[in-house]
């Protein structure tokens, strides 16, 4: 009974995964899902 949020970092490789992550978040009992577009910092620069 610990409320938690799922965080998804979005890029081309997983852009089609959003509906599946929504369903999985629901099935796992997450209270919310936060979708973050990538930023060009750190390792993100290479992407």
ModelCIF file with pLDDT and N, C-alpha, C, O atoms, coordinates in Angstrom:
data_MODEL
#
_entry.id   MODEL 
#
_entity.id                         1 
_entity.type                       polymer 
_entity.pdbx_number_of_molecules   1 
#
_entity_poly.entity_id                      1 
_entity_poly.type                           'polypeptide(L)' 
_entity_poly.nstd_linkage                   no 
_entity_poly.nstd_monomer                   no 
_entity_poly.pdbx_seq_one_letter_code       
;(UNK)(UNK)(UNK)(UNK)(UNK)(UNK)(UNK)(UNK)(UNK)(UNK)(UNK)(UNK)(UNK)(UNK)(UNK)(UNK)
(UNK)(UNK)(UNK)(UNK)(UNK)(UNK)(UNK)(UNK)(UNK)(UNK)(UNK)(UNK)(UNK)(UNK)(UNK)(UNK)
(UNK)(UNK)(UNK)(UNK)(UNK)(UNK)(UNK)(UNK)(UNK)(UNK)(UNK)(UNK)(UNK)(UNK)(UNK)
;
_entity_poly.pdbx_seq_one_letter_code_can   XXXXXXXXXXXXXXXXXXXXXXXXXXXXXXXXXXXXXXXXXXXXXXX 
_entity_poly.pdbx_strand_id                 A 
#
loop_
_entity_poly_seq.entity_id 
_entity_poly_seq.num 
_entity_poly_seq.mon_id 
_entity_poly_seq.hetero 
1 1  UNK n 
1 2  UNK n 
1 3  UNK n 
1 4  UNK n 
1 5  UNK n 
1 6  UNK n 
1 7  UNK n 
1 8  UNK n 
1 9  UNK n 
1 10 UNK n 
1 11 UNK n 
1 12 UNK n 
1 13 UNK n 
1 14 UNK n 
1 15 UNK n 
1 16 UNK n 
1 17 UNK n 
1 18 UNK n 
1 19 UNK n 
1 20 UNK n 
1 21 UNK n 
1 22 UNK n 
1 23 UNK n 
1 24 UNK n 
1 25 UNK n 
1 26 UNK n 
1 27 UNK n 
1 28 UNK n 
1 29 UNK n 
1 30 UNK n 
1 31 UNK n 
1 32 UNK n 
1 33 UNK n 
1 34 UNK n 
1 35 UNK n 
1 36 UNK n 
1 37 UNK n 
1 38 UNK n 
1 39 UNK n 
1 40 UNK n 
1 41 UNK n 
1 42 UNK n 
1 43 UNK n 
1 44 UNK n 
1 45 UNK n 
1 46 UNK n 
1 47 UNK n 
#
_struct_asym.id          A 
_struct_asym.entity_id   1 
#
loop_
_ma_qa_metric.id 
_ma_qa_metric.mode 
_ma_qa_metric.name 
_ma_qa_metric.software_group_id 
_ma_qa_metric.type 
1 global pLDDT . pLDDT 
2 local  pLDDT . pLDDT 
#
_ma_qa_metric_global.metric_id      1 
_ma_qa_metric_global.metric_value   95.21 
_ma_qa_metric_global.model_id       1 
_ma_qa_metric_global.ordinal_id     1 
#
loop_
_ma_qa_metric_local.label_asym_id 
_ma_qa_metric_local.label_comp_id 
_ma_qa_metric_local.label_seq_id 
_ma_qa_metric_local.metric_id 
_ma_qa_metric_local.metric_value 
_ma_qa_metric_local.model_id 
_ma_qa_metric_local.ordinal_id 
A UNK 1  2 96.00 1 1  
A UNK 2  2 97.00 1 2  
A UNK 3  2 96.00 1 3  
A UNK 4  2 97.00 1 4  
A UNK 5  2 97.00 1 5  
A UNK 6  2 98.00 1 6  
A UNK 7  2 98.00 1 7  
A UNK 8  2 98.00 1 8  
A UNK 9  2 97.00 1 9  
A UNK 10 2 97.00 1 10 
A UNK 11 2 97.00 1 11 
A UNK 12 2 97.00 1 12 
A UNK 13 2 97.00 1 13 
A UNK 14 2 98.00 1 14 
A UNK 15 2 97.00 1 15 
A UNK 16 2 97.00 1 16 
A UNK 17 2 97.00 1 17 
A UNK 18 2 96.00 1 18 
A UNK 19 2 94.00 1 19 
A UNK 20 2 95.00 1 20 
A UNK 21 2 96.00 1 21 
A UNK 22 2 94.00 1 22 
A UNK 23 2 93.00 1 23 
A UNK 24 2 95.00 1 24 
A UNK 25 2 96.00 1 25 
A UNK 26 2 94.00 1 26 
A UNK 27 2 94.00 1 27 
A UNK 28 2 95.00 1 28 
A UNK 29 2 94.00 1 29 
A UNK 30 2 97.00 1 30 
A UNK 31 2 95.00 1 31 
A UNK 32 2 94.00 1 32 
A UNK 33 2 95.00 1 33 
A UNK 34 2 95.00 1 34 
A UNK 35 2 96.00 1 35 
A UNK 36 2 95.00 1 36 
A UNK 37 2 95.00 1 37 
A UNK 38 2 94.00 1 38 
A UNK 39 2 91.00 1 39 
A UNK 40 2 92.00 1 40 
A UNK 41 2 90.00 1 41 
A UNK 42 2 90.00 1 42 
A UNK 43 2 93.00 1 43 
A UNK 44 2 92.00 1 44 
A UNK 45 2 93.00 1 45 
A UNK 46 2 95.00 1 46 
A UNK 47 2 96.00 1 47 
#
loop_
_atom_site.group_PDB 
_atom_site.id 
_atom_site.type_symbol 
_atom_site.label_atom_id 
_atom_site.label_alt_id 
_atom_site.label_comp_id 
_atom_site.label_asym_id 
_atom_site.label_entity_id 
_atom_site.label_seq_id 
_atom_site.pdbx_PDB_ins_code 
_atom_site.Cartn_x 
_atom_site.Cartn_y 
_atom_site.Cartn_z 
_atom_site.occupancy 
_atom_site.B_iso_or_equiv 
_atom_site.pdbx_formal_charge 
_atom_site.auth_seq_id 
_atom_site.auth_comp_id 
_atom_site.auth_asym_id 
_atom_site.auth_atom_id 
_atom_site.pdbx_PDB_model_num 
ATOM 1   N N  . UNK A 1 1  ? 0.811  -1.231 0.000   1.00 96.00 ? 1  UNK A N  1 
ATOM 2   C CA . UNK A 1 1  ? 0.000  0.000  0.000   1.00 96.00 ? 1  UNK A CA 1 
ATOM 3   C C  . UNK A 1 1  ? 0.837  1.271  0.000   1.00 96.00 ? 1  UNK A C  1 
ATOM 4   O O  . UNK A 1 1  ? 0.458  2.271  0.611   1.00 96.00 ? 1  UNK A O  1 
ATOM 5   N N  . UNK A 1 2  ? 1.961  1.232  -0.678  1.00 97.00 ? 2  UNK A N  1 
ATOM 6   C CA . UNK A 1 2  ? 2.790  2.421  -0.851  1.00 97.00 ? 2  UNK A CA 1 
ATOM 7   C C  . UNK A 1 2  ? 2.513  2.999  -2.240  1.00 97.00 ? 2  UNK A C  1 
ATOM 8   O O  . UNK A 1 2  ? 2.791  2.365  -3.258  1.00 97.00 ? 2  UNK A O  1 
ATOM 9   N N  . UNK A 1 3  ? 1.970  4.192  -2.262  1.00 96.00 ? 3  UNK A N  1 
ATOM 10  C CA . UNK A 1 3  ? 1.647  4.828  -3.530  1.00 96.00 ? 3  UNK A CA 1 
ATOM 11  C C  . UNK A 1 3  ? 2.929  5.171  -4.281  1.00 96.00 ? 3  UNK A C  1 
ATOM 12  O O  . UNK A 1 3  ? 3.894  5.645  -3.682  1.00 96.00 ? 3  UNK A O  1 
ATOM 13  N N  . UNK A 1 4  ? 2.940  4.934  -5.582  1.00 97.00 ? 4  UNK A N  1 
ATOM 14  C CA . UNK A 1 4  ? 4.129  5.234  -6.364  1.00 97.00 ? 4  UNK A CA 1 
ATOM 15  C C  . UNK A 1 4  ? 3.751  5.739  -7.747  1.00 97.00 ? 4  UNK A C  1 
ATOM 16  O O  . UNK A 1 4  ? 2.647  5.521  -8.245  1.00 97.00 ? 4  UNK A O  1 
ATOM 17  N N  . UNK A 1 5  ? 4.712  6.418  -8.337  1.00 97.00 ? 5  UNK A N  1 
ATOM 18  C CA . UNK A 1 5  ? 4.571  6.960  -9.683  1.00 97.00 ? 5  UNK A CA 1 
ATOM 19  C C  . UNK A 1 5  ? 5.542  6.259  -10.612 1.00 97.00 ? 5  UNK A C  1 
ATOM 20  O O  . UNK A 1 5  ? 6.690  6.011  -10.243 1.00 97.00 ? 5  UNK A O  1 
ATOM 21  N N  . UNK A 1 6  ? 5.089  5.941  -11.811 1.00 98.00 ? 6  UNK A N  1 
ATOM 22  C CA . UNK A 1 6  ? 5.969  5.405  -12.848 1.00 98.00 ? 6  UNK A CA 1 
ATOM 23  C C  . UNK A 1 6  ? 6.484  6.576  -13.679 1.00 98.00 ? 6  UNK A C  1 
ATOM 24  O O  . UNK A 1 6  ? 5.714  7.454  -14.069 1.00 98.00 ? 6  UNK A O  1 
ATOM 25  N N  . UNK A 1 7  ? 7.793  6.584  -13.950 1.00 98.00 ? 7  UNK A N  1 
ATOM 26  C CA . UNK A 1 7  ? 8.385  7.613  -14.811 1.00 98.00 ? 7  UNK A CA 1 
ATOM 27  C C  . UNK A 1 7  ? 8.940  6.951  -16.070 1.00 98.00 ? 7  UNK A C  1 
ATOM 28  O O  . UNK A 1 7  ? 9.704  5.989  -16.004 1.00 98.00 ? 7  UNK A O  1 
ATOM 29  N N  . UNK A 1 8  ? 8.535  7.492  -17.213 1.00 98.00 ? 8  UNK A N  1 
ATOM 30  C CA . UNK A 1 8  ? 8.964  6.967  -18.510 1.00 98.00 ? 8  UNK A CA 1 
ATOM 31  C C  . UNK A 1 8  ? 9.740  8.051  -19.246 1.00 98.00 ? 8  UNK A C  1 
ATOM 32  O O  . UNK A 1 8  ? 9.231  9.156  -19.437 1.00 98.00 ? 8  UNK A O  1 
ATOM 33  N N  . UNK A 1 9  ? 10.975 7.746  -19.663 1.00 97.00 ? 9  UNK A N  1 
ATOM 34  C CA . UNK A 1 9  ? 11.796 8.676  -20.435 1.00 97.00 ? 9  UNK A CA 1 
ATOM 35  C C  . UNK A 1 9  ? 11.600 8.367  -21.916 1.00 97.00 ? 9  UNK A C  1 
ATOM 36  O O  . UNK A 1 9  ? 11.894 7.260  -22.368 1.00 97.00 ? 9  UNK A O  1 
ATOM 37  N N  . UNK A 1 10 ? 11.106 9.341  -22.666 1.00 97.00 ? 10 UNK A N  1 
ATOM 38  C CA . UNK A 1 10 ? 10.586 9.090  -24.012 1.00 97.00 ? 10 UNK A CA 1 
ATOM 39  C C  . UNK A 1 10 ? 11.614 9.398  -25.102 1.00 97.00 ? 10 UNK A C  1 
ATOM 40  O O  . UNK A 1 10 ? 12.223 10.468 -25.122 1.00 97.00 ? 10 UNK A O  1 
ATOM 41  N N  . UNK A 1 11 ? 11.789 8.437  -26.003 1.00 97.00 ? 11 UNK A N  1 
ATOM 42  C CA . UNK A 1 11 ? 12.644 8.601  -27.179 1.00 97.00 ? 11 UNK A CA 1 
ATOM 43  C C  . UNK A 1 11 ? 12.047 7.763  -28.306 1.00 97.00 ? 11 UNK A C  1 
ATOM 44  O O  . UNK A 1 11 ? 11.012 7.124  -28.116 1.00 97.00 ? 11 UNK A O  1 
ATOM 45  N N  . UNK A 1 12 ? 12.688 7.758  -29.483 1.00 97.00 ? 12 UNK A N  1 
ATOM 46  C CA . UNK A 1 12 ? 12.144 7.006  -30.613 1.00 97.00 ? 12 UNK A CA 1 
ATOM 47  C C  . UNK A 1 12 ? 11.969 5.531  -30.280 1.00 97.00 ? 12 UNK A C  1 
ATOM 48  O O  . UNK A 1 12 ? 10.971 4.915  -30.651 1.00 97.00 ? 12 UNK A O  1 
ATOM 49  N N  . UNK A 1 13 ? 12.941 4.976  -29.582 1.00 97.00 ? 13 UNK A N  1 
ATOM 50  C CA . UNK A 1 13 ? 12.968 3.533  -29.348 1.00 97.00 ? 13 UNK A CA 1 
ATOM 51  C C  . UNK A 1 13 ? 11.744 3.035  -28.585 1.00 97.00 ? 13 UNK A C  1 
ATOM 52  O O  . UNK A 1 13 ? 11.316 1.896  -28.773 1.00 97.00 ? 13 UNK A O  1 
ATOM 53  N N  . UNK A 1 14 ? 11.179 3.885  -27.722 1.00 98.00 ? 14 UNK A N  1 
ATOM 54  C CA . UNK A 1 14 ? 10.057 3.414  -26.901 1.00 98.00 ? 14 UNK A CA 1 
ATOM 55  C C  . UNK A 1 14 ? 8.774  4.213  -27.095 1.00 98.00 ? 14 UNK A C  1 
ATOM 56  O O  . UNK A 1 14 ? 7.850  4.099  -26.290 1.00 98.00 ? 14 UNK A O  1 
ATOM 57  N N  . UNK A 1 15 ? 8.705  5.021  -28.155 1.00 97.00 ? 15 UNK A N  1 
ATOM 58  C CA . UNK A 1 15 ? 7.531  5.881  -28.329 1.00 97.00 ? 15 UNK A CA 1 
ATOM 59  C C  . UNK A 1 15 ? 6.242  5.088  -28.544 1.00 97.00 ? 15 UNK A C  1 
ATOM 60  O O  . UNK A 1 15 ? 5.161  5.562  -28.195 1.00 97.00 ? 15 UNK A O  1 
ATOM 61  N N  . UNK A 1 16 ? 6.345  3.888  -29.114 1.00 97.00 ? 16 UNK A N  1 
ATOM 62  C CA . UNK A 1 16 ? 5.157  3.058  -29.325 1.00 97.00 ? 16 UNK A CA 1 
ATOM 63  C C  . UNK A 1 16 ? 4.768  2.267  -28.073 1.00 97.00 ? 16 UNK A C  1 
ATOM 64  O O  . UNK A 1 16 ? 3.764  1.554  -28.072 1.00 97.00 ? 16 UNK A O  1 
ATOM 65  N N  . UNK A 1 17 ? 5.558  2.397  -27.021 1.00 97.00 ? 17 UNK A N  1 
ATOM 66  C CA . UNK A 1 17 ? 5.331  1.645  -25.796 1.00 97.00 ? 17 UNK A CA 1 
ATOM 67  C C  . UNK A 1 17 ? 4.371  2.350  -24.825 1.00 97.00 ? 17 UNK A C  1 
ATOM 68  O O  . UNK A 1 17 ? 4.002  1.776  -23.800 1.00 97.00 ? 17 UNK A O  1 
ATOM 69  N N  . UNK A 1 18 ? 3.969  3.576  -25.136 1.00 96.00 ? 18 UNK A N  1 
ATOM 70  C CA . UNK A 1 18 ? 3.148  4.338  -24.184 1.00 96.00 ? 18 UNK A CA 1 
ATOM 71  C C  . UNK A 1 18 ? 1.873  3.594  -23.780 1.00 96.00 ? 18 UNK A C  1 
ATOM 72  O O  . UNK A 1 18 ? 1.623  3.466  -22.582 1.00 96.00 ? 18 UNK A O  1 
ATOM 73  N N  . UNK A 1 19 ? 1.055  3.098  -24.711 1.00 94.00 ? 19 UNK A N  1 
ATOM 74  C CA . UNK A 1 19 ? -0.159 2.386  -24.278 1.00 94.00 ? 19 UNK A CA 1 
ATOM 75  C C  . UNK A 1 19 ? 0.149  1.190  -23.373 1.00 94.00 ? 19 UNK A C  1 
ATOM 76  O O  . UNK A 1 19 ? -0.564 0.941  -22.402 1.00 94.00 ? 19 UNK A O  1 
ATOM 77  N N  . UNK A 1 20 ? 1.206  0.460  -23.696 1.00 95.00 ? 20 UNK A N  1 
ATOM 78  C CA . UNK A 1 20 ? 1.570  -0.687 -22.873 1.00 95.00 ? 20 UNK A CA 1 
ATOM 79  C C  . UNK A 1 20 ? 2.029  -0.273 -21.489 1.00 95.00 ? 20 UNK A C  1 
ATOM 80  O O  . UNK A 1 20 ? 1.706  -0.945 -20.510 1.00 95.00 ? 20 UNK A O  1 
ATOM 81  N N  . UNK A 1 21 ? 2.775  0.819  -21.384 1.00 96.00 ? 21 UNK A N  1 
ATOM 82  C CA . UNK A 1 21 ? 3.230  1.296  -20.084 1.00 96.00 ? 21 UNK A CA 1 
ATOM 83  C C  . UNK A 1 21 ? 2.044  1.800  -19.263 1.00 96.00 ? 21 UNK A C  1 
ATOM 84  O O  . UNK A 1 21 ? 2.016  1.627  -18.045 1.00 96.00 ? 21 UNK A O  1 
ATOM 85  N N  . UNK A 1 22 ? 1.059  2.425  -19.927 1.00 94.00 ? 22 UNK A N  1 
ATOM 86  C CA . UNK A 1 22 ? -0.161 2.844  -19.220 1.00 94.00 ? 22 UNK A CA 1 
ATOM 87  C C  . UNK A 1 22 ? -0.867 1.636  -18.614 1.00 94.00 ? 22 UNK A C  1 
ATOM 88  O O  . UNK A 1 22 ? -1.253 1.653  -17.445 1.00 94.00 ? 22 UNK A O  1 
ATOM 89  N N  . UNK A 1 23 ? -1.032 0.592  -19.418 1.00 93.00 ? 23 UNK A N  1 
ATOM 90  C CA . UNK A 1 23 ? -1.701 -0.619 -18.924 1.00 93.00 ? 23 UNK A CA 1 
ATOM 91  C C  . UNK A 1 23 ? -0.908 -1.270 -17.799 1.00 93.00 ? 23 UNK A C  1 
ATOM 92  O O  . UNK A 1 23 ? -1.475 -1.688 -16.790 1.00 93.00 ? 23 UNK A O  1 
ATOM 93  N N  . UNK A 1 24 ? 0.405  -1.355 -17.979 1.00 95.00 ? 24 UNK A N  1 
ATOM 94  C CA . UNK A 1 24 ? 1.242  -1.992 -16.971 1.00 95.00 ? 24 UNK A CA 1 
ATOM 95  C C  . UNK A 1 24 ? 1.227  -1.180 -15.675 1.00 95.00 ? 24 UNK A C  1 
ATOM 96  O O  . UNK A 1 24 ? 1.199  -1.755 -14.587 1.00 95.00 ? 24 UNK A O  1 
ATOM 97  N N  . UNK A 1 25 ? 1.244  0.144  -15.781 1.00 96.00 ? 25 UNK A N  1 
ATOM 98  C CA . UNK A 1 25 ? 1.179  0.998  -14.596 1.00 96.00 ? 25 UNK A CA 1 
ATOM 99  C C  . UNK A 1 25 ? -0.126 0.762  -13.846 1.00 96.00 ? 25 UNK A C  1 
ATOM 100 O O  . UNK A 1 25 ? -0.145 0.701  -12.617 1.00 96.00 ? 25 UNK A O  1 
ATOM 101 N N  . UNK A 1 26 ? -1.205 0.632  -14.591 1.00 94.00 ? 26 UNK A N  1 
ATOM 102 C CA . UNK A 1 26 ? -2.507 0.352  -13.969 1.00 94.00 ? 26 UNK A CA 1 
ATOM 103 C C  . UNK A 1 26 ? -2.499 -1.011 -13.290 1.00 94.00 ? 26 UNK A C  1 
ATOM 104 O O  . UNK A 1 26 ? -2.942 -1.144 -12.149 1.00 94.00 ? 26 UNK A O  1 
ATOM 105 N N  . UNK A 1 27 ? -1.996 -2.022 -13.990 1.00 94.00 ? 27 UNK A N  1 
ATOM 106 C CA . UNK A 1 27 ? -2.013 -3.381 -13.445 1.00 94.00 ? 27 UNK A CA 1 
ATOM 107 C C  . UNK A 1 27 ? -1.112 -3.515 -12.208 1.00 94.00 ? 27 UNK A C  1 
ATOM 108 O O  . UNK A 1 27 ? -1.379 -4.322 -11.317 1.00 94.00 ? 27 UNK A O  1 
ATOM 109 N N  . UNK A 1 28 ? -0.048 -2.714 -12.171 1.00 95.00 ? 28 UNK A N  1 
ATOM 110 C CA . UNK A 1 28 ? 0.870  -2.773 -11.032 1.00 95.00 ? 28 UNK A CA 1 
ATOM 111 C C  . UNK A 1 28 ? 0.408  -1.913 -9.863  1.00 95.00 ? 28 UNK A C  1 
ATOM 112 O O  . UNK A 1 28 ? 0.975  -1.984 -8.772  1.00 95.00 ? 28 UNK A O  1 
ATOM 113 N N  . UNK A 1 29 ? -0.621 -1.099 -10.089 1.00 94.00 ? 29 UNK A N  1 
ATOM 114 C CA . UNK A 1 29 ? -1.174 -0.301 -8.997  1.00 94.00 ? 29 UNK A CA 1 
ATOM 115 C C  . UNK A 1 29 ? -0.547 1.071  -8.829  1.00 94.00 ? 29 UNK A C  1 
ATOM 116 O O  . UNK A 1 29 ? -0.643 1.661  -7.753  1.00 94.00 ? 29 UNK A O  1 
ATOM 117 N N  . UNK A 1 30 ? 0.103  1.599  -9.885  1.00 97.00 ? 30 UNK A N  1 
ATOM 118 C CA . UNK A 1 30 ? 0.698  2.936  -9.790  1.00 97.00 ? 30 UNK A CA 1 
ATOM 119 C C  . UNK A 1 30 ? -0.382 3.995  -9.675  1.00 97.00 ? 30 UNK A C  1 
ATOM 120 O O  . UNK A 1 30 ? -1.454 3.875  -10.267 1.00 97.00 ? 30 UNK A O  1 
ATOM 121 N N  . UNK A 1 31 ? -0.087 5.038  -8.903  1.00 95.00 ? 31 UNK A N  1 
ATOM 122 C CA . UNK A 1 31 ? -1.039 6.136  -8.773  1.00 95.00 ? 31 UNK A CA 1 
ATOM 123 C C  . UNK A 1 31 ? -0.983 7.092  -9.949  1.00 95.00 ? 31 UNK A C  1 
ATOM 124 O O  . UNK A 1 31 ? -1.975 7.748  -10.267 1.00 95.00 ? 31 UNK A O  1 
ATOM 125 N N  . UNK A 1 32 ? 0.175  7.176  -10.598 1.00 94.00 ? 32 UNK A N  1 
ATOM 126 C CA . UNK A 1 32 ? 0.327  8.091  -11.725 1.00 94.00 ? 32 UNK A CA 1 
ATOM 127 C C  . UNK A 1 32 ? 1.457  7.621  -12.624 1.00 94.00 ? 32 UNK A C  1 
ATOM 128 O O  . UNK A 1 32 ? 2.299  6.814  -12.232 1.00 94.00 ? 32 UNK A O  1 
ATOM 129 N N  . UNK A 1 33 ? 1.451  8.149  -13.840 1.00 95.00 ? 33 UNK A N  1 
ATOM 130 C CA . UNK A 1 33 ? 2.499  7.891  -14.829 1.00 95.00 ? 33 UNK A CA 1 
ATOM 131 C C  . UNK A 1 33 ? 2.988  9.241  -15.333 1.00 95.00 ? 33 UNK A C  1 
ATOM 132 O O  . UNK A 1 33 ? 2.191  10.047 -15.814 1.00 95.00 ? 33 UNK A O  1 
ATOM 133 N N  . UNK A 1 34 ? 4.284  9.495  -15.230 1.00 95.00 ? 34 UNK A N  1 
ATOM 134 C CA . UNK A 1 34 ? 4.867  10.743 -15.724 1.00 95.00 ? 34 UNK A CA 1 
ATOM 135 C C  . UNK A 1 34 ? 5.748  10.423 -16.929 1.00 95.00 ? 34 UNK A C  1 
ATOM 136 O O  . UNK A 1 34 ? 6.662  9.603  -16.845 1.00 95.00 ? 34 UNK A O  1 
ATOM 137 N N  . UNK A 1 35 ? 5.462  11.077 -18.040 1.00 96.00 ? 35 UNK A N  1 
ATOM 138 C CA . UNK A 1 35 ? 6.203  10.851 -19.272 1.00 96.00 ? 35 UNK A CA 1 
ATOM 139 C C  . UNK A 1 35 ? 7.104  12.056 -19.517 1.00 96.00 ? 35 UNK A C  1 
ATOM 140 O O  . UNK A 1 35 ? 6.622  13.176 -19.685 1.00 96.00 ? 35 UNK A O  1 
ATOM 141 N N  . UNK A 1 36 ? 8.415  11.822 -19.535 1.00 95.00 ? 36 UNK A N  1 
ATOM 142 C CA . UNK A 1 36 ? 9.397  12.889 -19.694 1.00 95.00 ? 36 UNK A CA 1 
ATOM 143 C C  . UNK A 1 36 ? 10.077 12.799 -21.053 1.00 95.00 ? 36 UNK A C  1 
ATOM 144 O O  . UNK A 1 36 ? 10.734 11.796 -21.332 1.00 95.00 ? 36 UNK A O  1 
ATOM 145 N N  . UNK A 1 37 ? 9.944  13.809 -21.908 1.00 95.00 ? 37 UNK A N  1 
ATOM 146 C CA . UNK A 1 37 ? 10.784 13.852 -23.115 1.00 95.00 ? 37 UNK A CA 1 
ATOM 147 C C  . UNK A 1 37 ? 12.257 13.980 -22.717 1.00 95.00 ? 37 UNK A C  1 
ATOM 148 O O  . UNK A 1 37 ? 12.569 14.570 -21.683 1.00 95.00 ? 37 UNK A O  1 
ATOM 149 N N  . UNK A 1 38 ? 13.144 13.442 -23.517 1.00 94.00 ? 38 UNK A N  1 
ATOM 150 C CA . UNK A 1 38 ? 14.565 13.518 -23.205 1.00 94.00 ? 38 UNK A CA 1 
ATOM 151 C C  . UNK A 1 38 ? 15.081 14.940 -23.348 1.00 94.00 ? 38 UNK A C  1 
ATOM 152 O O  . UNK A 1 38 ? 14.537 15.743 -24.107 1.00 94.00 ? 38 UNK A O  1 
ATOM 153 N N  . UNK A 1 39 ? 16.140 15.237 -22.603 1.00 91.00 ? 39 UNK A N  1 
ATOM 154 C CA . UNK A 1 39 ? 16.834 16.502 -22.760 1.00 91.00 ? 39 UNK A CA 1 
ATOM 155 C C  . UNK A 1 39 ? 18.262 16.214 -23.218 1.00 91.00 ? 39 UNK A C  1 
ATOM 156 O O  . UNK A 1 39 ? 18.836 15.195 -22.834 1.00 91.00 ? 39 UNK A O  1 
ATOM 157 N N  . UNK A 1 40 ? 18.845 17.099 -24.035 1.00 92.00 ? 40 UNK A N  1 
ATOM 158 C CA . UNK A 1 40 ? 20.177 16.835 -24.608 1.00 92.00 ? 40 UNK A CA 1 
ATOM 159 C C  . UNK A 1 40 ? 21.304 17.153 -23.630 1.00 92.00 ? 40 UNK A C  1 
ATOM 160 O O  . UNK A 1 40 ? 22.156 17.999 -23.898 1.00 92.00 ? 40 UNK A O  1 
ATOM 161 N N  . UNK A 1 41 ? 21.294 16.467 -22.504 1.00 90.00 ? 41 UNK A N  1 
ATOM 162 C CA . UNK A 1 41 ? 22.328 16.639 -21.482 1.00 90.00 ? 41 UNK A CA 1 
ATOM 163 C C  . UNK A 1 41 ? 22.892 15.271 -21.118 1.00 90.00 ? 41 UNK A C  1 
ATOM 164 O O  . UNK A 1 41 ? 22.222 14.255 -21.301 1.00 90.00 ? 41 UNK A O  1 
ATOM 165 N N  . UNK A 1 42 ? 24.118 15.239 -20.603 1.00 90.00 ? 42 UNK A N  1 
ATOM 166 C CA . UNK A 1 42 ? 24.713 13.975 -20.203 1.00 90.00 ? 42 UNK A CA 1 
ATOM 167 C C  . UNK A 1 42 ? 24.729 12.984 -21.352 1.00 90.00 ? 42 UNK A C  1 
ATOM 168 O O  . UNK A 1 42 ? 25.120 13.321 -22.469 1.00 90.00 ? 42 UNK A O  1 
ATOM 169 N N  . UNK A 1 43 ? 24.305 11.763 -21.074 1.00 93.00 ? 43 UNK A N  1 
ATOM 170 C CA . UNK A 1 43 ? 24.258 10.742 -22.128 1.00 93.00 ? 43 UNK A CA 1 
ATOM 171 C C  . UNK A 1 43 ? 23.200 11.058 -23.174 1.00 93.00 ? 43 UNK A C  1 
ATOM 172 O O  . UNK A 1 43 ? 23.266 10.566 -24.301 1.00 93.00 ? 43 UNK A O  1 
ATOM 173 N N  . UNK A 1 44 ? 22.222 11.883 -22.800 1.00 92.00 ? 44 UNK A N  1 
ATOM 174 C CA . UNK A 1 44 ? 21.183 12.261 -23.754 1.00 92.00 ? 44 UNK A CA 1 
ATOM 175 C C  . UNK A 1 44 ? 21.721 13.011 -24.958 1.00 92.00 ? 44 UNK A C  1 
ATOM 176 O O  . UNK A 1 44 ? 21.083 13.031 -26.010 1.00 92.00 ? 44 UNK A O  1 
ATOM 177 N N  . UNK A 1 45 ? 22.895 13.631 -24.818 1.00 93.00 ? 45 UNK A N  1 
ATOM 178 C CA . UNK A 1 45 ? 23.485 14.342 -25.953 1.00 93.00 ? 45 UNK A CA 1 
ATOM 179 C C  . UNK A 1 45 ? 23.690 13.413 -27.147 1.00 93.00 ? 45 UNK A C  1 
ATOM 180 O O  . UNK A 1 45 ? 23.457 13.791 -28.295 1.00 93.00 ? 45 UNK A O  1 
ATOM 181 N N  . UNK A 1 46 ? 24.130 12.191 -26.851 1.00 95.00 ? 46 UNK A N  1 
ATOM 182 C CA . UNK A 1 46 ? 24.407 11.253 -27.946 1.00 95.00 ? 46 UNK A CA 1 
ATOM 183 C C  . UNK A 1 46 ? 23.121 10.881 -28.676 1.00 95.00 ? 46 UNK A C  1 
ATOM 184 O O  . UNK A 1 46 ? 23.116 10.744 -29.899 1.00 95.00 ? 46 UNK A O  1 
ATOM 185 N N  . UNK A 1 47 ? 22.031 10.718 -27.927 1.00 96.00 ? 47 UNK A N  1 
ATOM 186 C CA . UNK A 1 47 ? 20.756 10.378 -28.561 1.00 96.00 ? 47 UNK A CA 1 
ATOM 187 C C  . UNK A 1 47 ? 20.333 11.486 -29.528 1.00 96.00 ? 47 UNK A C  1 
ATOM 188 O O  . UNK A 1 47 ? 19.282 11.384 -30.162 1.00 96.00 ? 47 UNK A O  1 
#
